[in-house]
PDB file of all heavy atoms in Angstrom:
ATOM      1  N   VAL A   1      -2.047  -9.993  -0.093  1.00  0.00           N
ATOM      2  CA  VAL A   1      -1.799 -10.134   1.314  1.00  0.00           C
ATOM      3  C   VAL A   1      -3.197 -10.359   2.054  1.00  0.00           C
ATOM      4  O   VAL A   1      -3.302 -11.243   2.981  1.00  0.00           O
ATOM      5  CB  VAL A   1      -1.284  -8.820   1.903  1.00  0.00           C
ATOM      6  CG1 VAL A   1      -1.241  -8.850   3.459  1.00  0.00           C
ATOM      7  CG2 VAL A   1       0.223  -8.696   1.410  1.00  0.00           C
ATOM      8  N   GLY A   2      -4.251  -9.605   1.683  1.00  0.00           N
ATOM      9  CA  GLY A   2      -5.609  -9.931   2.306  1.00  0.00           C
ATOM     10  C   GLY A   2      -6.015 -11.323   2.145  1.00  0.00           C
ATOM     11  O   GLY A   2      -6.572 -11.927   2.986  1.00  0.00           O
ATOM     12  N   ARG A   3      -5.954 -11.736   0.846  1.00  0.00           N
ATOM     13  CA  ARG A   3      -6.322 -13.084   0.517  1.00  0.00           C
ATOM     14  C   ARG A   3      -5.632 -14.275   1.261  1.00  0.00           C
ATOM     15  O   ARG A   3      -6.138 -15.126   1.800  1.00  0.00           O
ATOM     16  CB  ARG A   3      -6.085 -13.363  -0.956  1.00  0.00           C
ATOM     17  CG  ARG A   3      -6.655 -14.657  -1.520  1.00  0.00           C
ATOM     18  CD  ARG A   3      -6.914 -14.636  -3.078  1.00  0.00           C
ATOM     19  NE  ARG A   3      -5.669 -14.208  -3.702  1.00  0.00           N
ATOM     20  CZ  ARG A   3      -5.544 -13.150  -4.509  1.00  0.00           C
ATOM     21  NH1 ARG A   3      -6.558 -12.244  -4.716  1.00  0.00           N
ATOM     22  NH2 ARG A   3      -4.392 -12.889  -5.060  1.00  0.00           N
ATOM     23  N   GLN A   4      -4.312 -13.991   1.346  1.00  0.00           N
ATOM     24  CA  GLN A   4      -3.598 -15.038   2.119  1.00  0.00           C
ATOM     25  C   GLN A   4      -3.925 -15.052   3.575  1.00  0.00           C
ATOM     26  O   GLN A   4      -3.899 -16.074   4.183  1.00  0.00           O
ATOM     27  CB  GLN A   4      -2.052 -14.803   1.937  1.00  0.00           C
ATOM     28  CG  GLN A   4      -1.554 -14.983   0.460  1.00  0.00           C
ATOM     29  CD  GLN A   4      -0.383 -15.905   0.467  1.00  0.00           C
ATOM     30  OE1 GLN A   4      -0.132 -16.707   1.343  1.00  0.00           O
ATOM     31  NE2 GLN A   4       0.381 -15.726  -0.720  1.00  0.00           N
ATOM     32  N   ALA A   5      -4.153 -13.831   4.201  1.00  0.00           N
ATOM     33  CA  ALA A   5      -4.426 -13.632   5.553  1.00  0.00           C
ATOM     34  C   ALA A   5      -5.728 -14.564   5.897  1.00  0.00           C
ATOM     35  O   ALA A   5      -5.792 -15.244   6.866  1.00  0.00           O
ATOM     36  CB  ALA A   5      -4.577 -12.186   6.007  1.00  0.00           C
ATOM     37  N   VAL A   6      -6.704 -14.172   5.091  1.00  0.00           N
ATOM     38  CA  VAL A   6      -8.005 -14.897   5.343  1.00  0.00           C
ATOM     39  C   VAL A   6      -7.869 -16.423   5.077  1.00  0.00           C
ATOM     40  O   VAL A   6      -8.402 -17.336   5.903  1.00  0.00           O
ATOM     41  CB  VAL A   6      -9.124 -14.428   4.518  1.00  0.00           C
ATOM     42  CG1 VAL A   6     -10.379 -15.208   4.541  1.00  0.00           C
ATOM     43  CG2 VAL A   6      -9.377 -12.953   4.812  1.00  0.00           C
ATOM     44  N   ALA A   7      -7.146 -16.947   4.099  1.00  0.00           N
ATOM     45  CA  ALA A   7      -6.872 -18.285   3.849  1.00  0.00           C
ATOM     46  C   ALA A   7      -6.233 -18.945   5.039  1.00  0.00           C
ATOM     47  O   ALA A   7      -6.538 -20.169   5.489  1.00  0.00           O
ATOM     48  CB  ALA A   7      -6.185 -18.432   2.516  1.00  0.00           C
ATOM     49  N   LEU A   8      -5.169 -18.330   5.497  1.00  0.00           N
ATOM     50  CA  LEU A   8      -4.479 -18.854   6.741  1.00  0.00           C
ATOM     51  C   LEU A   8      -5.494 -18.940   7.921  1.00  0.00           C
ATOM     52  O   LEU A   8      -5.369 -19.903   8.638  1.00  0.00           O
ATOM     53  CB  LEU A   8      -3.273 -17.986   7.017  1.00  0.00           C
ATOM     54  CG  LEU A   8      -2.158 -18.012   5.989  1.00  0.00           C
ATOM     55  CD1 LEU A   8      -1.122 -16.840   6.313  1.00  0.00           C
ATOM     56  CD2 LEU A   8      -1.409 -19.410   6.227  1.00  0.00           C
ATOM     57  N   LEU A   9      -6.248 -17.947   8.168  1.00  0.00           N
ATOM     58  CA  LEU A   9      -7.125 -17.871   9.232  1.00  0.00           C
ATOM     59  C   LEU A   9      -8.153 -18.938   9.191  1.00  0.00           C
ATOM     60  O   LEU A   9      -8.413 -19.734  10.104  1.00  0.00           O
ATOM     61  CB  LEU A   9      -7.781 -16.477   9.346  1.00  0.00           C
ATOM     62  CG  LEU A   9      -8.757 -16.349  10.578  1.00  0.00           C
ATOM     63  CD1 LEU A   9      -7.964 -16.551  11.805  1.00  0.00           C
ATOM     64  CD2 LEU A   9      -9.388 -14.984  10.523  1.00  0.00           C
ATOM     65  N   MET A  10      -8.671 -19.296   8.012  1.00  0.00           N
ATOM     66  CA  MET A  10      -9.677 -20.334   7.753  1.00  0.00           C
ATOM     67  C   MET A  10      -9.070 -21.714   8.021  1.00  0.00           C
ATOM     68  O   MET A  10      -9.720 -22.546   8.548  1.00  0.00           O
ATOM     69  CB  MET A  10     -10.241 -20.274   6.358  1.00  0.00           C
ATOM     70  CG  MET A  10     -11.169 -19.107   6.138  1.00  0.00           C
ATOM     71  SD  MET A  10     -12.722 -19.000   7.180  1.00  0.00           S
ATOM     72  CE  MET A  10     -12.190 -17.917   8.523  1.00  0.00           C
ATOM     73  N   ARG A  11      -7.799 -21.893   7.640  1.00  0.00           N
ATOM     74  CA  ARG A  11      -7.318 -23.142   7.969  1.00  0.00           C
ATOM     75  C   ARG A  11      -6.927 -23.388   9.533  1.00  0.00           C
ATOM     76  O   ARG A  11      -7.217 -24.403  10.013  1.00  0.00           O
ATOM     77  CB  ARG A  11      -5.858 -23.239   7.241  1.00  0.00           C
ATOM     78  CG  ARG A  11      -5.909 -23.412   5.739  1.00  0.00           C
ATOM     79  CD  ARG A  11      -4.635 -23.265   5.083  1.00  0.00           C
ATOM     80  NE  ARG A  11      -3.685 -24.198   5.558  1.00  0.00           N
ATOM     81  CZ  ARG A  11      -2.355 -24.362   5.239  1.00  0.00           C
ATOM     82  NH1 ARG A  11      -1.972 -23.396   4.414  1.00  0.00           N
ATOM     83  NH2 ARG A  11      -1.633 -25.255   5.718  1.00  0.00           N
ATOM     84  N   LYS A  12      -6.718 -22.177  10.191  1.00  0.00           N
ATOM     85  CA  LYS A  12      -6.514 -22.271  11.661  1.00  0.00           C
ATOM     86  C   LYS A  12      -7.857 -22.576  12.260  1.00  0.00           C
ATOM     87  O   LYS A  12      -8.048 -23.304  13.217  1.00  0.00           O
ATOM     88  CB  LYS A  12      -5.909 -20.990  12.144  1.00  0.00           C
ATOM     89  CG  LYS A  12      -4.533 -20.823  11.754  1.00  0.00           C
ATOM     90  CD  LYS A  12      -3.909 -19.575  12.320  1.00  0.00           C
ATOM     91  CE  LYS A  12      -3.605 -19.714  13.831  1.00  0.00           C
ATOM     92  NZ  LYS A  12      -2.803 -18.600  14.358  1.00  0.00           N
ATOM     93  N   VAL A  13      -8.913 -21.911  11.764  1.00  0.00           N
ATOM     94  CA  VAL A  13     -10.320 -22.259  12.337  1.00  0.00           C
ATOM     95  C   VAL A  13     -10.683 -23.756  12.178  1.00  0.00           C
ATOM     96  O   VAL A  13     -11.355 -24.300  13.060  1.00  0.00           O
ATOM     97  CB  VAL A  13     -11.318 -21.280  11.577  1.00  0.00           C
ATOM     98  CG1 VAL A  13     -12.728 -21.809  11.844  1.00  0.00           C
ATOM     99  CG2 VAL A  13     -11.111 -19.810  11.919  1.00  0.00           C
ATOM    100  N   ASP A  14     -10.245 -24.312  11.028  1.00  0.00           N
ATOM    101  CA  ASP A  14     -10.553 -25.743  10.849  1.00  0.00           C
ATOM    102  C   ASP A  14      -9.562 -26.655  11.564  1.00  0.00           C
ATOM    103  O   ASP A  14      -9.584 -27.865  11.291  1.00  0.00           O
ATOM    104  CB  ASP A  14     -10.538 -26.022   9.357  1.00  0.00           C
ATOM    105  CG  ASP A  14     -11.659 -25.432   8.613  1.00  0.00           C
ATOM    106  OD1 ASP A  14     -12.635 -25.118   9.249  1.00  0.00           O
ATOM    107  OD2 ASP A  14     -11.633 -25.214   7.372  1.00  0.00           O
ATOM    108  N   GLY A  15      -8.650 -26.080  12.376  1.00  0.00           N
ATOM    109  CA  GLY A  15      -7.769 -26.826  13.233  1.00  0.00           C
ATOM    110  C   GLY A  15      -6.432 -27.297  12.404  1.00  0.00           C
ATOM    111  O   GLY A  15      -5.767 -28.191  12.876  1.00  0.00           O
ATOM    112  N   GLU A  16      -6.152 -26.785  11.252  1.00  0.00           N
ATOM    113  CA  GLU A  16      -5.013 -27.186  10.410  1.00  0.00           C
ATOM    114  C   GLU A  16      -3.855 -26.389  10.980  1.00  0.00           C
ATOM    115  O   GLU A  16      -3.926 -25.364  11.461  1.00  0.00           O
ATOM    116  CB  GLU A  16      -5.187 -26.834   8.972  1.00  0.00           C
ATOM    117  CG  GLU A  16      -6.368 -27.701   8.323  1.00  0.00           C
ATOM    118  CD  GLU A  16      -6.495 -27.321   6.855  1.00  0.00           C
ATOM    119  OE1 GLU A  16      -5.477 -26.919   6.192  1.00  0.00           O
ATOM    120  OE2 GLU A  16      -7.625 -27.457   6.344  1.00  0.00           O
ATOM    121  N   SER A  17      -2.741 -26.951  10.702  1.00  0.00           N
ATOM    122  CA  SER A  17      -1.353 -26.317  10.966  1.00  0.00           C
ATOM    123  C   SER A  17      -1.076 -25.376   9.729  1.00  0.00           C
ATOM    124  O   SER A  17      -1.331 -25.703   8.531  1.00  0.00           O
ATOM    125  CB  SER A  17      -0.191 -27.310  11.096  1.00  0.00           C
ATOM    126  OG  SER A  17      -0.471 -28.176  12.252  1.00  0.00           O
ATOM    127  N   VAL A  18      -0.489 -24.213  10.099  1.00  0.00           N
ATOM    128  CA  VAL A  18      -0.138 -23.254   9.009  1.00  0.00           C
ATOM    129  C   VAL A  18       1.245 -22.758   9.257  1.00  0.00           C
ATOM    130  O   VAL A  18       1.748 -22.822  10.399  1.00  0.00           O
ATOM    131  CB  VAL A  18      -1.208 -22.003   9.038  1.00  0.00           C
ATOM    132  CG1 VAL A  18      -2.632 -22.412   8.787  1.00  0.00           C
ATOM    133  CG2 VAL A  18      -1.088 -21.248  10.324  1.00  0.00           C
ATOM    134  N   PRO A  19       1.902 -22.188   8.242  1.00  0.00           N
ATOM    135  CA  PRO A  19       3.264 -21.646   8.382  1.00  0.00           C
ATOM    136  C   PRO A  19       3.183 -20.331   9.379  1.00  0.00           C
ATOM    137  O   PRO A  19       2.171 -19.645   9.285  1.00  0.00           O
ATOM    138  CB  PRO A  19       3.668 -21.278   7.080  1.00  0.00           C
ATOM    139  CG  PRO A  19       2.521 -21.214   6.278  1.00  0.00           C
ATOM    140  CD  PRO A  19       1.544 -22.162   6.795  1.00  0.00           C
ATOM    141  N   ALA A  20       4.217 -20.185  10.122  1.00  0.00           N
ATOM    142  CA  ALA A  20       4.100 -19.066  11.034  1.00  0.00           C
ATOM    143  C   ALA A  20       4.360 -17.745  10.348  1.00  0.00           C
ATOM    144  O   ALA A  20       3.861 -16.695  10.649  1.00  0.00           O
ATOM    145  CB  ALA A  20       5.270 -19.263  12.190  1.00  0.00           C
ATOM    146  N   ALA A  21       5.162 -17.756   9.350  1.00  0.00           N
ATOM    147  CA  ALA A  21       5.524 -16.456   8.544  1.00  0.00           C
ATOM    148  C   ALA A  21       5.355 -16.672   7.118  1.00  0.00           C
ATOM    149  O   ALA A  21       5.906 -17.658   6.593  1.00  0.00           O
ATOM    150  CB  ALA A  21       6.962 -16.042   8.882  1.00  0.00           C
ATOM    151  N   THR A  22       4.592 -15.742   6.499  1.00  0.00           N
ATOM    152  CA  THR A  22       4.544 -15.703   5.107  1.00  0.00           C
ATOM    153  C   THR A  22       4.942 -14.375   4.567  1.00  0.00           C
ATOM    154  O   THR A  22       4.311 -13.328   4.853  1.00  0.00           O
ATOM    155  CB  THR A  22       3.027 -16.004   4.641  1.00  0.00           C
ATOM    156  OG1 THR A  22       2.674 -17.284   5.115  1.00  0.00           O
ATOM    157  CG2 THR A  22       2.919 -15.945   3.120  1.00  0.00           C
ATOM    158  N   LEU A  23       6.053 -14.288   3.825  1.00  0.00           N
ATOM    159  CA  LEU A  23       6.591 -13.055   3.401  1.00  0.00           C
ATOM    160  C   LEU A  23       6.514 -13.077   1.883  1.00  0.00           C
ATOM    161  O   LEU A  23       7.154 -13.921   1.188  1.00  0.00           O
ATOM    162  CB  LEU A  23       8.071 -12.797   3.857  1.00  0.00           C
ATOM    163  CG  LEU A  23       8.274 -12.332   5.208  1.00  0.00           C
ATOM    164  CD1 LEU A  23       9.755 -12.386   5.629  1.00  0.00           C
ATOM    165  CD2 LEU A  23       7.803 -10.890   5.389  1.00  0.00           C
ATOM    166  N   LEU A  24       5.842 -12.143   1.316  1.00  0.00           N
ATOM    167  CA  LEU A  24       5.688 -12.012  -0.183  1.00  0.00           C
ATOM    168  C   LEU A  24       6.924 -11.354  -0.775  1.00  0.00           C
ATOM    169  O   LEU A  24       7.294 -10.274  -0.333  1.00  0.00           O
ATOM    170  CB  LEU A  24       4.326 -11.372  -0.601  1.00  0.00           C
ATOM    171  CG  LEU A  24       3.070 -11.928  -0.014  1.00  0.00           C
ATOM    172  CD1 LEU A  24       1.973 -11.209  -0.493  1.00  0.00           C
ATOM    173  CD2 LEU A  24       2.934 -13.407  -0.153  1.00  0.00           C
ATOM    174  N   ASP A  25       7.504 -11.996  -1.797  1.00  0.00           N
ATOM    175  CA  ASP A  25       8.647 -11.321  -2.505  1.00  0.00           C
ATOM    176  C   ASP A  25       8.257  -9.985  -3.141  1.00  0.00           C
ATOM    177  O   ASP A  25       7.179  -9.983  -3.831  1.00  0.00           O
ATOM    178  CB  ASP A  25       9.203 -12.252  -3.450  1.00  0.00           C
ATOM    179  CG  ASP A  25       9.938 -13.466  -2.804  1.00  0.00           C
ATOM    180  OD1 ASP A  25      10.414 -13.281  -1.708  1.00  0.00           O
ATOM    181  OD2 ASP A  25      10.052 -14.549  -3.483  1.00  0.00           O
ATOM    182  N   PRO A  26       9.040  -8.980  -3.009  1.00  0.00           N
ATOM    183  CA  PRO A  26       8.689  -7.676  -3.716  1.00  0.00           C
ATOM    184  C   PRO A  26       9.022  -7.872  -5.278  1.00  0.00           C
ATOM    185  O   PRO A  26       9.719  -8.613  -5.738  1.00  0.00           O
ATOM    186  CB  PRO A  26       9.750  -6.736  -3.171  1.00  0.00           C
ATOM    187  CG  PRO A  26      10.877  -7.595  -2.786  1.00  0.00           C
ATOM    188  CD  PRO A  26      10.290  -8.993  -2.234  1.00  0.00           C
ATOM    189  N   ARG A  27       8.139  -7.077  -5.988  1.00  0.00           N
ATOM    190  CA  ARG A  27       8.148  -7.040  -7.417  1.00  0.00           C
ATOM    191  C   ARG A  27       8.384  -5.715  -7.927  1.00  0.00           C
ATOM    192  O   ARG A  27       7.455  -4.808  -7.731  1.00  0.00           O
ATOM    193  CB  ARG A  27       6.806  -7.639  -7.922  1.00  0.00           C
ATOM    194  CG  ARG A  27       6.784  -7.921  -9.486  1.00  0.00           C
ATOM    195  CD  ARG A  27       5.447  -8.070 -10.077  1.00  0.00           C
ATOM    196  NE  ARG A  27       4.623  -6.891 -10.112  1.00  0.00           N
ATOM    197  CZ  ARG A  27       3.432  -6.783 -10.273  1.00  0.00           C
ATOM    198  NH1 ARG A  27       2.693  -7.845 -10.148  1.00  0.00           N
ATOM    199  NH2 ARG A  27       2.763  -5.564 -10.400  1.00  0.00           N
ATOM    200  N   LEU A  28       9.495  -5.550  -8.574  1.00  0.00           N
ATOM    201  CA  LEU A  28       9.741  -4.180  -9.056  1.00  0.00           C
ATOM    202  C   LEU A  28       9.294  -4.016 -10.539  1.00  0.00           C
ATOM    203  O   LEU A  28       9.715  -4.897 -11.410  1.00  0.00           O
ATOM    204  CB  LEU A  28      11.322  -3.889  -9.030  1.00  0.00           C
ATOM    205  CG  LEU A  28      11.790  -2.412  -9.602  1.00  0.00           C
ATOM    206  CD1 LEU A  28      11.523  -1.367  -8.731  1.00  0.00           C
ATOM    207  CD2 LEU A  28      13.290  -2.625  -9.988  1.00  0.00           C
ATOM    208  N   THR A  29       8.631  -2.954 -10.872  1.00  0.00           N
ATOM    209  CA  THR A  29       8.280  -2.681 -12.349  1.00  0.00           C
ATOM    210  C   THR A  29       8.908  -1.468 -12.683  1.00  0.00           C
ATOM    211  O   THR A  29       8.718  -0.336 -12.016  1.00  0.00           O
ATOM    212  CB  THR A  29       6.706  -2.541 -12.448  1.00  0.00           C
ATOM    213  OG1 THR A  29       6.073  -3.802 -12.023  1.00  0.00           O
ATOM    214  CG2 THR A  29       6.426  -2.229 -13.914  1.00  0.00           C
ATOM    215  N   VAL A  30       9.822  -1.433 -13.765  1.00  0.00           N
ATOM    216  CA  VAL A  30      10.401  -0.243 -14.245  1.00  0.00           C
ATOM    217  C   VAL A  30       9.584   0.548 -15.100  1.00  0.00           C
ATOM    218  O   VAL A  30       9.058   0.081 -16.092  1.00  0.00           O
ATOM    219  CB  VAL A  30      11.852  -0.623 -14.937  1.00  0.00           C
ATOM    220  CG1 VAL A  30      12.510   0.656 -15.463  1.00  0.00           C
ATOM    221  CG2 VAL A  30      12.641  -1.502 -13.930  1.00  0.00           C
ATOM    222  N   ARG A  31       9.385   1.929 -14.821  1.00  0.00           N
ATOM    223  CA  ARG A  31       8.621   2.754 -15.654  1.00  0.00           C
ATOM    224  C   ARG A  31       9.501   4.046 -16.041  1.00  0.00           C
ATOM    225  O   ARG A  31      10.609   3.868 -16.158  1.00  0.00           O
ATOM    226  CB  ARG A  31       7.312   3.107 -14.983  1.00  0.00           C
ATOM    227  CG  ARG A  31       6.407   1.915 -14.712  1.00  0.00           C
ATOM    228  CD  ARG A  31       5.090   2.328 -14.121  1.00  0.00           C
ATOM    229  NE  ARG A  31       4.234   1.137 -13.903  1.00  0.00           N
ATOM    230  CZ  ARG A  31       4.088   0.488 -12.687  1.00  0.00           C
ATOM    231  NH1 ARG A  31       4.988   0.873 -11.750  1.00  0.00           N
ATOM    232  NH2 ARG A  31       3.398  -0.513 -12.570  1.00  0.00           N
ATOM    233  N   ALA A  32       8.952   5.093 -16.105  1.00  0.00           N
ATOM    234  CA  ALA A  32       9.554   6.352 -16.751  1.00  0.00           C
ATOM    235  C   ALA A  32      10.288   7.196 -15.733  1.00  0.00           C
ATOM    236  O   ALA A  32      10.953   8.109 -16.094  1.00  0.00           O
ATOM    237  CB  ALA A  32       8.520   7.177 -17.477  1.00  0.00           C
ATOM    238  N   SER A  33      10.146   6.891 -14.452  1.00  0.00           N
ATOM    239  CA  SER A  33      10.698   7.879 -13.423  1.00  0.00           C
ATOM    240  C   SER A  33      12.166   7.577 -13.004  1.00  0.00           C
ATOM    241  O   SER A  33      12.643   8.352 -12.221  1.00  0.00           O
ATOM    242  CB  SER A  33       9.786   7.798 -12.191  1.00  0.00           C
ATOM    243  OG  SER A  33       9.797   6.633 -11.455  1.00  0.00           O
ATOM    244  N   THR A  34      12.707   6.547 -13.466  1.00  0.00           N
ATOM    245  CA  THR A  34      14.134   6.219 -13.218  1.00  0.00           C
ATOM    246  C   THR A  34      15.034   6.274 -14.444  1.00  0.00           C
ATOM    247  O   THR A  34      14.508   5.709 -15.383  1.00  0.00           O
ATOM    248  CB  THR A  34      14.352   4.940 -12.373  1.00  0.00           C
ATOM    249  OG1 THR A  34      13.652   3.813 -13.156  1.00  0.00           O
ATOM    250  CG2 THR A  34      13.732   5.100 -10.997  1.00  0.00           C
ATOM    251  N   GLY A  35      16.240   6.582 -14.279  1.00  0.00           N
ATOM    252  CA  GLY A  35      17.173   6.616 -15.433  1.00  0.00           C
ATOM    253  C   GLY A  35      18.588   6.732 -14.823  1.00  0.00           C
ATOM    254  O   GLY A  35      18.833   6.747 -13.606  1.00  0.00           O
ATOM    255  N   PRO A  36      19.679   6.702 -15.623  1.00  0.00           N
ATOM    256  CA  PRO A  36      20.961   6.707 -15.264  1.00  0.00           C
ATOM    257  C   PRO A  36      21.342   7.988 -14.489  1.00  0.00           C
ATOM    258  O   PRO A  36      20.707   8.945 -14.554  1.00  0.00           O
ATOM    259  CB  PRO A  36      21.734   6.719 -16.572  1.00  0.00           C
ATOM    260  CG  PRO A  36      20.911   6.131 -17.561  1.00  0.00           C
ATOM    261  CD  PRO A  36      19.513   6.559 -17.266  1.00  0.00           C
ATOM    262  N   ALA A  37      22.256   7.883 -13.581  1.00  0.00           N
ATOM    263  CA  ALA A  37      22.539   8.856 -12.614  1.00  0.00           C
ATOM    264  C   ALA A  37      23.353  10.051 -13.391  1.00  0.00           C
ATOM    265  O   ALA A  37      23.914   9.710 -14.478  1.00  0.00           O
ATOM    266  CB  ALA A  37      23.445   8.530 -11.596  1.00  0.00           C
ATOM    267  N   VAL A  38      23.198  11.251 -13.035  1.00  0.00           N
ATOM    268  CA  VAL A  38      23.719  12.427 -13.644  1.00  0.00           C
ATOM    269  C   VAL A  38      24.926  12.932 -12.689  1.00  0.00           C
ATOM    270  O   VAL A  38      24.803  12.636 -11.452  1.00  0.00           O
ATOM    271  CB  VAL A  38      22.749  13.564 -13.878  1.00  0.00           C
ATOM    272  CG1 VAL A  38      21.809  12.963 -15.035  1.00  0.00           C
ATOM    273  CG2 VAL A  38      22.007  14.078 -12.731  1.00  0.00           C
ATOM    274  N   GLU A  39      25.756  13.808 -13.244  1.00  0.00           N
ATOM    275  CA  GLU A  39      26.717  14.397 -12.307  1.00  0.00           C
ATOM    276  C   GLU A  39      25.976  15.340 -11.258  1.00  0.00           C
ATOM    277  O   GLU A  39      24.977  15.919 -11.565  1.00  0.00           O
ATOM    278  CB  GLU A  39      27.739  15.319 -13.121  1.00  0.00           C
ATOM    279  CG  GLU A  39      28.713  14.459 -14.025  1.00  0.00           C
ATOM    280  CD  GLU A  39      29.824  13.864 -13.253  1.00  0.00           C
ATOM    281  OE1 GLU A  39      29.899  14.303 -11.959  1.00  0.00           O
ATOM    282  OE2 GLU A  39      30.543  13.160 -13.724  1.00  0.00           O
ATOM    283  N   ALA A  40      26.668  15.344 -10.137  1.00  0.00           N
ATOM    284  CA  ALA A  40      26.131  16.210  -9.058  1.00  0.00           C
ATOM    285  C   ALA A  40      26.272  17.643  -9.703  1.00  0.00           C
ATOM    286  O   ALA A  40      27.389  17.996 -10.147  1.00  0.00           O
ATOM    287  CB  ALA A  40      26.819  16.148  -7.797  1.00  0.00           C
ATOM    288  N   ARG A  41      25.259  18.442  -9.532  1.00  0.00           N
ATOM    289  CA  ARG A  41      25.211  19.774 -10.235  1.00  0.00           C
ATOM    290  C   ARG A  41      24.996  20.900  -9.199  1.00  0.00           C
ATOM    291  O   ARG A  41      24.027  21.319  -8.943  1.00  0.00           O
ATOM    292  CB  ARG A  41      24.171  19.744 -11.397  1.00  0.00           C
ATOM    293  CG  ARG A  41      24.639  18.867 -12.527  1.00  0.00           C
ATOM    294  CD  ARG A  41      23.617  18.970 -13.617  1.00  0.00           C
ATOM    295  NE  ARG A  41      22.180  18.611 -13.197  1.00  0.00           N
ATOM    296  CZ  ARG A  41      21.172  19.417 -13.280  1.00  0.00           C
ATOM    297  NH1 ARG A  41      21.372  20.611 -13.690  1.00  0.00           N
ATOM    298  NH2 ARG A  41      19.993  19.029 -12.919  1.00  0.00           N
ATOM    299  N   ALA A  42      26.124  21.322  -8.626  1.00  0.00           N
ATOM    300  CA  ALA A  42      26.085  22.428  -7.544  1.00  0.00           C
ATOM    301  C   ALA A  42      25.529  23.697  -8.360  1.00  0.00           C
ATOM    302  O   ALA A  42      25.049  24.634  -7.623  1.00  0.00           O
ATOM    303  CB  ALA A  42      27.371  22.654  -6.948  1.00  0.00           C
ATOM    304  N   GLU A  43      25.674  23.844  -9.599  1.00  0.00           N
ATOM    305  CA  GLU A  43      25.308  25.067 -10.242  1.00  0.00           C
ATOM    306  C   GLU A  43      23.827  25.049 -10.625  1.00  0.00           C
ATOM    307  O   GLU A  43      23.288  26.021 -11.202  1.00  0.00           O
ATOM    308  CB  GLU A  43      26.099  25.345 -11.619  1.00  0.00           C
ATOM    309  CG  GLU A  43      25.739  24.295 -12.664  1.00  0.00           C
ATOM    310  CD  GLU A  43      26.660  22.970 -12.604  1.00  0.00           C
ATOM    311  OE1 GLU A  43      27.122  22.646 -11.422  1.00  0.00           O
ATOM    312  OE2 GLU A  43      26.856  22.418 -13.617  1.00  0.00           O
ATOM    313  N   VAL A  44      23.078  24.076 -10.105  1.00  0.00           N
ATOM    314  CA  VAL A  44      21.609  24.047 -10.310  1.00  0.00           C
ATOM    315  C   VAL A  44      21.031  24.335  -8.897  1.00  0.00           C
ATOM    316  O   VAL A  44      20.918  23.554  -8.045  1.00  0.00           O
ATOM    317  CB  VAL A  44      21.011  22.651 -10.775  1.00  0.00           C
ATOM    318  CG1 VAL A  44      19.553  22.738 -10.895  1.00  0.00           C
ATOM    319  CG2 VAL A  44      21.726  22.351 -12.129  1.00  0.00           C
ATOM    320  N   PRO A  45      20.753  25.673  -8.673  1.00  0.00           N
ATOM    321  CA  PRO A  45      20.323  26.060  -7.300  1.00  0.00           C
ATOM    322  C   PRO A  45      19.020  25.820  -7.019  1.00  0.00           C
ATOM    323  O   PRO A  45      18.097  25.647  -7.949  1.00  0.00           O
ATOM    324  CB  PRO A  45      20.699  27.551  -7.208  1.00  0.00           C
ATOM    325  CG  PRO A  45      20.336  27.984  -8.659  1.00  0.00           C
ATOM    326  CD  PRO A  45      20.788  26.770  -9.613  1.00  0.00           C
ATOM    327  N   LEU A  46      18.578  25.821  -5.725  1.00  0.00           N
ATOM    328  CA  LEU A  46      17.176  25.758  -5.376  1.00  0.00           C
ATOM    329  C   LEU A  46      16.613  27.157  -5.722  1.00  0.00           C
ATOM    330  O   LEU A  46      17.324  28.169  -5.715  1.00  0.00           O
ATOM    331  CB  LEU A  46      17.052  25.487  -3.900  1.00  0.00           C
ATOM    332  CG  LEU A  46      17.583  24.173  -3.528  1.00  0.00           C
ATOM    333  CD1 LEU A  46      17.284  23.952  -1.941  1.00  0.00           C
ATOM    334  CD2 LEU A  46      16.862  23.037  -4.253  1.00  0.00           C
TER     335      LEU A  46
END
């Protein structure tokens, strides 16, 4: 994001046209903290 922001700004400084909106697509990486859902367990109290 920082790299793209500066590159866009430098193009504007040089008088070039730039896109109004640049949205970066999210990238999901699966690691160890997610798994299949379990039954709701009311018998596991706080």
